[in-house]
């Protein structure tokens, strides 16, 4: 008994260390489909992270909401779950989505139930087709889905396969989104500012300098963004090239971050482009009113000195786009964001 007593302190210490490491290894990413409710829920350690949804009220699938490791929602609620004090412009800005403003002349980006009946033939839908793969795991979860881009003339022009990889490390939550587009017909993405990977952020992540105004899409359709009280708006953009604040719009970089705070919580959202993506490094369609988007297929629209890109996928050919979105529960500096960009580039060669 005395011999065992000598080792009790060491045994207790070993149990503490084992428990600590066990806690790390027990981190679990669960991906749970519920097709009857048109959703797939993703949790990390039992806490909500996001959901892949395809409600009948939207014209494309989306990830909604996006929630940090501390339980802070960074996406706007409107139009899916409106919250008091939010802007209610751009009803097509819901969650985190992938589409474009001009594919073979059809507008997939701006489509919503708010479109007038006489204009619907000019729009396009990204129609969810099926779940290809679901995998939960101790360190990551995976979801593969298939969708089809269908024009307002009811013509399918693109088959989209999307692979989502969900993970969490420390206080960061990560989404890798790998999108492959296969052309069912020759598809031309006209040089347009409305694209490609976009998200609409919560009120507190808007810019304190945002004054609102009229924003016109490539078809000339204006959308009013009302000037509102900016109290509580704290969002500041920063790009990999050192461009800060509202000046980030229309500039290029391999990453862009948006940092803001609500209550005692500070959050940085990082979106990372990949060197193998068409149009790398992407232009940032990042607006003070809360639109945060990476658009590699616009060029002349952002820089009139450049020729139009008009990216084209020939019938039967494919193009793949890779993005990483990270929610950090802290302010994250350029050095850390550069390391993340390096890691992302190395993972998908």
Protein backbone atom coordinates (compact mmCIF):
# COMPACT_ATOMS: atom_id res chain seq x y z
CA UNK A 1 0.00 0.00 0.00
CA UNK A 2 2.88 2.37 0.85
CA UNK A 3 4.41 1.65 -2.59
CA UNK A 4 1.14 2.61 -4.31
CA UNK A 5 0.95 5.73 -2.18
CA UNK A 6 4.32 6.89 -3.51
CA UNK A 7 2.94 6.86 -7.05
CA UNK A 8 -0.48 8.38 -6.43
CA UNK A 9 0.65 11.97 -7.24
CA UNK A 10 2.24 10.78 -10.49
CA UNK A 11 -0.86 8.76 -11.31
CA UNK A 12 -3.08 11.77 -10.71
CA UNK A 13 -0.88 13.92 -12.94
CA UNK A 14 -0.98 11.29 -15.68
CA UNK A 15 -4.77 11.19 -15.47
CA UNK A 16 -4.93 14.97 -15.83
CA UNK A 17 -2.65 14.92 -18.88
CA UNK A 18 -4.57 11.97 -20.35
CA UNK A 19 -7.84 13.83 -19.81
CA UNK A 20 -6.48 16.92 -21.55
CA UNK A 21 -5.32 14.98 -24.58
CA UNK A 22 -8.52 12.94 -24.53
CA UNK A 23 -10.52 16.14 -24.72
CA UNK A 24 -8.68 17.14 -27.90
CA UNK A 25 -9.10 13.73 -29.53
CA UNK A 26 -12.79 13.69 -28.58
CA UNK A 27 -13.52 16.72 -30.76
CA UNK A 28 -16.12 15.50 -33.17
CA UNK A 29 -17.57 16.96 -36.34
CA UNK A 30 -21.03 15.59 -37.01
CA UNK A 31 -22.83 15.96 -40.34
CA UNK A 32 -26.53 15.08 -40.07
CA UNK A 33 -28.79 15.08 -43.13
CA UNK A 34 -32.54 15.68 -42.88
CA UNK A 35 -33.79 15.72 -46.44
CA UNK A 36 -37.44 15.98 -45.41
CA UNK A 37 -36.56 19.38 -43.90
CA UNK A 38 -34.27 20.24 -46.86
CA UNK A 39 -31.17 20.61 -44.69
CA UNK A 40 -27.94 19.05 -43.45
CA UNK A 41 -26.79 20.17 -39.99
CA UNK A 42 -23.13 20.42 -39.00
CA UNK A 43 -22.03 20.49 -35.36
CA UNK A 44 -18.63 20.50 -33.68
CA UNK A 45 -18.44 18.95 -30.22
CA UNK A 46 -22.24 19.00 -30.20
CA UNK A 47 -22.43 22.76 -30.80
CA UNK A 48 -24.05 24.21 -33.94
CA UNK A 49 -21.66 25.37 -36.65
CA UNK A 50 -23.75 25.70 -39.82
CA UNK A 51 -26.39 24.01 -41.97
CA UNK A 52 -26.48 23.32 -45.68
CA UNK A 53 -30.03 24.23 -46.71
CA UNK A 54 -32.07 24.37 -49.90
CA UNK A 55 -35.39 25.97 -48.89
CA UNK A 56 -38.06 26.61 -51.50
CA UNK A 57 -37.83 30.34 -50.69
CA UNK A 58 -34.28 30.63 -52.09
CA UNK A 59 -33.00 30.31 -55.65
CA UNK A 60 -29.82 28.46 -54.65
CA UNK A 61 -28.53 26.27 -51.81
CA UNK A 62 -26.66 28.05 -49.04
CA UNK A 63 -24.86 27.56 -45.74
CA UNK A 64 -26.86 29.28 -43.01
CA UNK A 65 -26.19 30.40 -40.36
CA UNK A 66 -22.44 30.51 -39.65
CA UNK A 67 -21.62 30.33 -35.93
CA UNK A 68 -18.26 30.72 -34.17
CA UNK A 69 -16.83 28.41 -31.52
CA UNK A 70 -18.16 30.85 -28.90
CA UNK A 71 -21.70 30.66 -30.28
CA UNK A 72 -21.66 34.02 -32.09
CA UNK A 73 -23.65 34.14 -35.34
CA UNK A 74 -21.77 36.10 -38.02
CA UNK A 75 -24.36 35.93 -40.84
CA UNK A 76 -27.30 38.26 -41.34
CA UNK A 77 -30.67 36.71 -40.52
CA UNK A 78 -32.75 38.30 -43.29
CA UNK A 79 -34.44 36.97 -45.39
CA UNK A 80 -34.48 33.55 -43.67
CA UNK A 81 -34.63 34.59 -40.00
CA UNK A 82 -35.03 38.40 -39.82
CA UNK A 83 -33.70 40.15 -36.73
CA UNK A 84 -34.59 43.58 -35.32
CA UNK A 85 -32.41 46.40 -36.65
CA UNK A 86 -31.08 44.53 -39.69
CA UNK A 87 -31.00 45.90 -43.20
CA UNK A 88 -33.58 44.28 -45.47
CA UNK A 89 -31.99 45.05 -48.85
CA UNK A 90 -30.78 42.42 -51.33
CA UNK A 91 -33.09 39.51 -50.43
CA UNK A 92 -30.80 37.20 -52.46
CA UNK A 93 -28.00 37.74 -49.89
CA UNK A 94 -28.59 34.75 -47.62
CA UNK A 95 -25.88 32.90 -45.70
CA UNK A 96 -22.80 31.75 -47.65
CA UNK A 97 -23.50 30.93 -51.30
CA UNK A 98 -21.86 30.30 -54.69
CA UNK A 99 -23.26 31.65 -57.98
CA UNK A 100 -22.77 34.40 -60.56
CA UNK A 101 -24.45 37.45 -62.06
CA UNK A 102 -24.11 36.58 -65.74
CA UNK A 103 -23.78 33.04 -67.09
CA UNK A 104 -24.81 32.86 -70.75
CA UNK A 105 -26.61 36.14 -70.13
CA UNK A 106 -28.74 34.85 -67.23
CA UNK A 107 -28.49 36.37 -63.76
CA UNK A 108 -28.06 33.70 -61.09
CA UNK A 109 -26.75 36.06 -58.38
CA UNK A 110 -29.68 38.50 -58.02
CA UNK A 111 -32.52 35.98 -58.29
CA UNK A 112 -35.09 35.86 -55.49
CA UNK A 113 -38.83 35.83 -54.93
CA UNK A 114 -38.67 39.62 -55.13
CA UNK A 115 -38.04 39.51 -58.90
CA UNK A 116 -41.00 40.79 -60.93
CA UNK A 117 -42.76 38.13 -63.03
CA UNK A 118 -41.80 39.89 -66.27
CA UNK A 119 -38.11 39.68 -65.34
CA UNK A 120 -37.96 36.05 -64.20
CA UNK A 121 -37.05 34.70 -67.63
CA UNK A 122 -33.79 36.66 -67.40
CA UNK A 123 -32.79 34.99 -64.14
CA UNK A 124 -31.33 31.58 -63.26
CA UNK A 125 -31.71 29.06 -60.43
CA UNK A 126 -29.10 26.79 -58.86
CA UNK A 127 -31.27 23.74 -58.22
CA UNK A 128 -30.23 21.24 -55.55
CA UNK A 129 -30.29 17.68 -56.92
CA UNK A 130 -28.92 15.24 -54.39
CA UNK A 131 -26.53 14.45 -51.56
CA UNK A 132 -23.59 12.42 -52.82
CA UNK A 133 -21.69 11.79 -49.58
CA UNK A 134 -21.97 12.42 -45.85
CA UNK A 135 -19.17 11.70 -43.42
CA UNK A 136 -18.72 12.59 -39.75
CA UNK A 137 -15.36 12.26 -38.04
CA UNK A 138 -13.18 13.01 -35.06
CA UNK A 139 -11.31 15.81 -36.83
CA UNK A 140 -13.46 16.74 -39.84
CA UNK A 141 -16.82 16.23 -41.47
CA UNK A 142 -17.54 16.04 -45.18
CA UNK A 143 -20.55 16.74 -47.34
CA UNK A 144 -20.67 16.29 -51.12
CA UNK A 145 -23.71 17.57 -53.01
CA UNK A 146 -24.82 18.01 -56.60
CA UNK A 147 -26.77 20.92 -58.08
CA UNK A 148 -27.70 22.16 -61.56
CA UNK A 149 -27.66 25.71 -62.92
CA UNK A 150 -30.93 26.19 -64.82
CA UNK A 151 -31.66 29.31 -66.88
CA UNK A 152 -34.92 31.26 -66.91
CA UNK A 153 -35.62 29.43 -70.17
CA UNK A 154 -35.54 26.13 -68.22
CA UNK A 155 -32.26 25.07 -69.83
CA UNK A 156 -29.66 23.31 -67.62
CA UNK A 157 -26.24 24.74 -68.46
CA UNK A 158 -23.95 23.65 -65.60
CA UNK A 159 -23.67 20.64 -63.34
CA UNK A 160 -22.19 21.69 -60.00
CA UNK A 161 -20.53 19.27 -57.59
CA UNK A 162 -19.57 20.79 -54.26
CA UNK A 163 -17.42 19.21 -51.59
CA UNK A 164 -17.59 20.82 -48.16
CA UNK A 165 -15.02 19.96 -45.50
CA UNK A 166 -15.85 21.18 -42.00
CA UNK A 167 -13.32 21.27 -39.18
CA UNK A 168 -12.35 23.05 -35.99
CA UNK A 169 -8.93 23.81 -34.53
CA UNK A 170 -8.62 25.67 -31.25
CA UNK A 171 -11.10 28.56 -31.42
CA UNK A 172 -11.22 28.54 -35.24
CA UNK A 173 -13.98 26.95 -37.30
CA UNK A 174 -13.15 26.14 -40.90
CA UNK A 175 -15.07 25.47 -44.11
CA UNK A 176 -13.24 24.31 -47.23
CA UNK A 177 -15.52 24.55 -50.25
CA UNK A 178 -14.40 22.86 -53.48
CA UNK A 179 -16.74 23.52 -56.39
CA UNK A 180 -16.47 21.81 -59.78
CA UNK A 181 -18.59 23.16 -62.62
CA UNK A 182 -19.17 20.96 -65.66
CA UNK A 183 -20.55 22.72 -68.73
CA UNK A 184 -23.62 21.04 -70.20
CA UNK A 185 -23.43 23.63 -72.96
CA UNK A 186 -20.79 26.25 -73.75
CA UNK A 187 -20.99 28.69 -70.83
CA UNK A 188 -19.60 32.23 -70.82
CA UNK A 189 -19.34 34.06 -67.50
CA UNK A 190 -19.49 37.66 -68.65
CA UNK A 191 -17.15 40.02 -66.79
CA UNK A 192 -19.45 41.04 -63.92
CA UNK A 193 -19.09 42.28 -60.36
CA UNK A 194 -21.83 39.99 -59.00
CA UNK A 195 -19.97 36.85 -57.95
CA UNK A 196 -18.78 34.33 -57.01
CA UNK A 197 -18.44 33.10 -53.42
CA UNK A 198 -20.47 35.44 -51.26
CA UNK A 199 -21.77 35.89 -47.75
CA UNK A 200 -23.87 38.52 -46.00
CA UNK A 201 -22.68 39.36 -42.51
CA UNK A 202 -24.46 40.38 -39.33
CA UNK A 203 -25.23 44.03 -38.55
CA UNK A 204 -22.31 44.45 -36.13
CA UNK A 205 -19.82 43.38 -38.84
CA UNK A 206 -20.90 46.17 -41.19
CA UNK A 207 -18.61 49.17 -41.61
CA UNK A 208 -19.12 52.08 -39.21
CA UNK A 209 -18.47 54.33 -42.24
CA UNK A 210 -21.28 52.88 -44.40
CA UNK A 211 -23.68 55.57 -45.59
CA UNK A 212 -25.90 53.45 -47.83
CA UNK A 213 -26.76 54.45 -51.38
CA UNK A 214 -27.85 53.00 -54.71
CA UNK A 215 -26.04 49.91 -55.99
CA UNK A 216 -26.64 48.90 -59.61
CA UNK A 217 -26.12 45.41 -60.99
CA UNK A 218 -24.69 44.63 -64.42
CA UNK A 219 -28.17 44.75 -65.97
CA UNK A 220 -28.71 48.26 -64.67
CA UNK A 221 -31.18 47.26 -61.98
CA UNK A 222 -30.72 49.55 -58.95
CA UNK A 223 -30.97 48.39 -55.35
CA UNK A 224 -31.30 50.94 -52.59
CA UNK A 225 -29.31 50.39 -49.40
CA UNK A 226 -30.76 52.68 -46.77
CA UNK A 227 -28.53 54.87 -44.65
CA UNK A 228 -28.93 53.69 -41.06
CA UNK A 229 -27.61 54.43 -37.62
CA UNK A 230 -24.14 52.87 -37.59
CA UNK A 231 -24.05 52.50 -33.81
CA UNK A 232 -22.69 49.04 -33.08
CA UNK A 233 -21.22 48.57 -36.56
CA UNK A 234 -17.53 47.68 -36.10
CA UNK A 235 -16.44 45.76 -39.20
CA UNK A 236 -13.06 46.48 -40.83
CA UNK A 237 -11.75 44.70 -43.93
CA UNK A 238 -8.07 43.89 -44.45
CA UNK A 239 -6.54 42.26 -47.52
CA UNK A 240 -3.32 40.32 -48.01
CA UNK A 241 -1.96 43.39 -49.83
CA UNK A 242 -2.50 45.61 -46.79
CA UNK A 243 -5.58 47.41 -48.10
CA UNK A 244 -7.85 48.30 -45.20
CA UNK A 245 -11.47 49.21 -44.64
CA UNK A 246 -13.84 50.26 -47.40
CA UNK A 247 -10.88 50.66 -49.80
CA UNK A 248 -10.69 46.84 -50.05
CA UNK A 249 -13.57 46.79 -52.55
CA UNK A 250 -12.41 46.05 -56.09
CA UNK A 251 -8.82 45.22 -55.09
CA UNK A 252 -7.07 41.87 -55.43
CA UNK A 253 -5.46 39.61 -52.87
CA UNK A 254 -5.06 36.00 -51.86
CA UNK A 255 -7.09 36.62 -48.73
CA UNK A 256 -9.39 39.18 -47.19
CA UNK A 257 -10.48 39.36 -43.57
CA UNK A 258 -13.31 41.13 -41.79
CA UNK A 259 -12.92 41.87 -38.08
CA UNK A 260 -15.53 43.25 -35.70
CA UNK A 261 -16.78 42.93 -32.16
CA UNK A 262 -20.09 42.46 -30.41
CA UNK A 263 -20.30 42.74 -26.65
CA UNK A 264 -17.19 41.10 -25.21
CA UNK A 265 -16.58 39.01 -28.33
CA UNK A 266 -14.18 39.80 -31.16
CA UNK A 267 -14.43 37.83 -34.40
CA UNK A 268 -12.38 37.70 -37.60
CA UNK A 269 -13.77 36.10 -40.74
CA UNK A 270 -11.11 35.11 -43.27
CA UNK A 271 -11.82 34.12 -46.88
CA UNK A 272 -8.87 32.52 -48.69
CA UNK A 273 -8.38 32.19 -52.44
CA UNK A 274 -6.36 29.30 -53.87
CA UNK A 275 -3.45 29.62 -56.36
CA UNK A 276 -5.07 27.04 -58.67
CA UNK A 277 -8.32 28.97 -58.95
CA UNK A 278 -9.20 30.75 -62.21
CA UNK A 279 -8.50 34.46 -61.88
CA UNK A 280 -6.16 34.11 -58.88
CA UNK A 281 -5.68 36.32 -56.95
CA UNK A 282 -9.35 37.17 -56.74
CA UNK A 283 -10.96 40.60 -56.68
CA UNK A 284 -12.82 41.38 -53.46
CA UNK A 285 -16.45 42.42 -53.84
CA UNK A 286 -16.47 43.56 -50.20
CA UNK A 287 -19.03 46.19 -49.28
CA UNK A 288 -19.41 48.16 -46.08
CA UNK A 289 -23.10 47.30 -45.86
CA UNK A 290 -22.24 43.65 -45.21
CA UNK A 291 -21.63 41.85 -48.52
CA UNK A 292 -18.33 39.94 -48.33
CA UNK A 293 -17.53 38.18 -51.61
CA UNK A 294 -14.62 36.82 -53.64
CA UNK A 295 -15.04 37.34 -57.38
CA UNK A 296 -12.28 35.98 -59.64
CA UNK A 297 -14.41 36.23 -62.81
CA UNK A 298 -14.85 39.99 -62.85
CA UNK A 299 -11.87 42.03 -64.05
CA UNK A 300 -12.73 45.01 -66.23
CA UNK A 301 -15.73 45.72 -64.00
CA UNK A 302 -13.33 46.32 -61.08
CA UNK A 303 -10.43 47.79 -63.06
CA UNK A 304 -11.52 49.54 -66.30
CA UNK A 305 -7.89 49.56 -67.47
CA UNK A 306 -8.00 45.77 -67.76
CA UNK A 307 -9.62 43.83 -70.65
CA UNK A 308 -12.82 41.93 -69.88
CA UNK A 309 -12.21 38.38 -68.69
CA UNK A 310 -15.39 36.64 -69.96
CA UNK A 311 -14.32 33.29 -68.50
CA UNK A 312 -15.57 30.40 -70.65
CA UNK A 313 -16.11 26.69 -70.03
CA UNK A 314 -16.59 24.72 -73.23
CA UNK A 315 -19.28 22.05 -73.40
CA UNK A 316 -18.14 18.91 -71.56
CA UNK A 317 -15.24 20.69 -69.85
CA UNK A 318 -14.90 21.55 -66.16
CA UNK A 319 -13.55 24.30 -63.94
CA UNK A 320 -12.80 23.93 -60.23
CA UNK A 321 -12.82 26.64 -57.55
CA UNK A 322 -11.38 26.15 -54.07
CA UNK A 323 -12.04 28.44 -51.11
CA UNK A 324 -11.44 28.37 -47.38
CA UNK A 325 -13.60 30.32 -44.94
CA UNK A 326 -12.40 30.56 -41.33
CA UNK A 327 -14.26 31.98 -38.34
CA UNK A 328 -11.77 33.04 -35.66
CA UNK A 329 -13.04 33.88 -32.17
CA UNK A 330 -10.43 36.61 -31.85
CA UNK A 331 -8.79 39.41 -33.80
CA UNK A 332 -6.40 37.74 -36.24
CA UNK A 333 -3.39 39.55 -37.70
CA UNK A 334 -1.89 39.44 -41.18
CA UNK A 335 0.90 37.05 -40.16
CA UNK A 336 -1.58 34.41 -38.98
CA UNK A 337 -3.75 34.90 -42.07
CA UNK A 338 -0.71 34.48 -44.33
CA UNK A 339 0.14 31.22 -42.57
CA UNK A 340 -3.43 30.03 -43.10
CA UNK A 341 -3.22 30.94 -46.79
CA UNK A 342 0.05 29.02 -47.12
CA UNK A 343 -1.49 25.99 -45.43
CA UNK A 344 -4.55 26.09 -47.67
CA UNK A 345 -2.42 26.35 -50.81
CA UNK A 346 -0.32 23.37 -49.72
CA UNK A 347 -3.30 21.15 -48.86
CA UNK A 348 -4.90 21.26 -52.31
CA UNK A 349 -2.16 21.15 -54.92
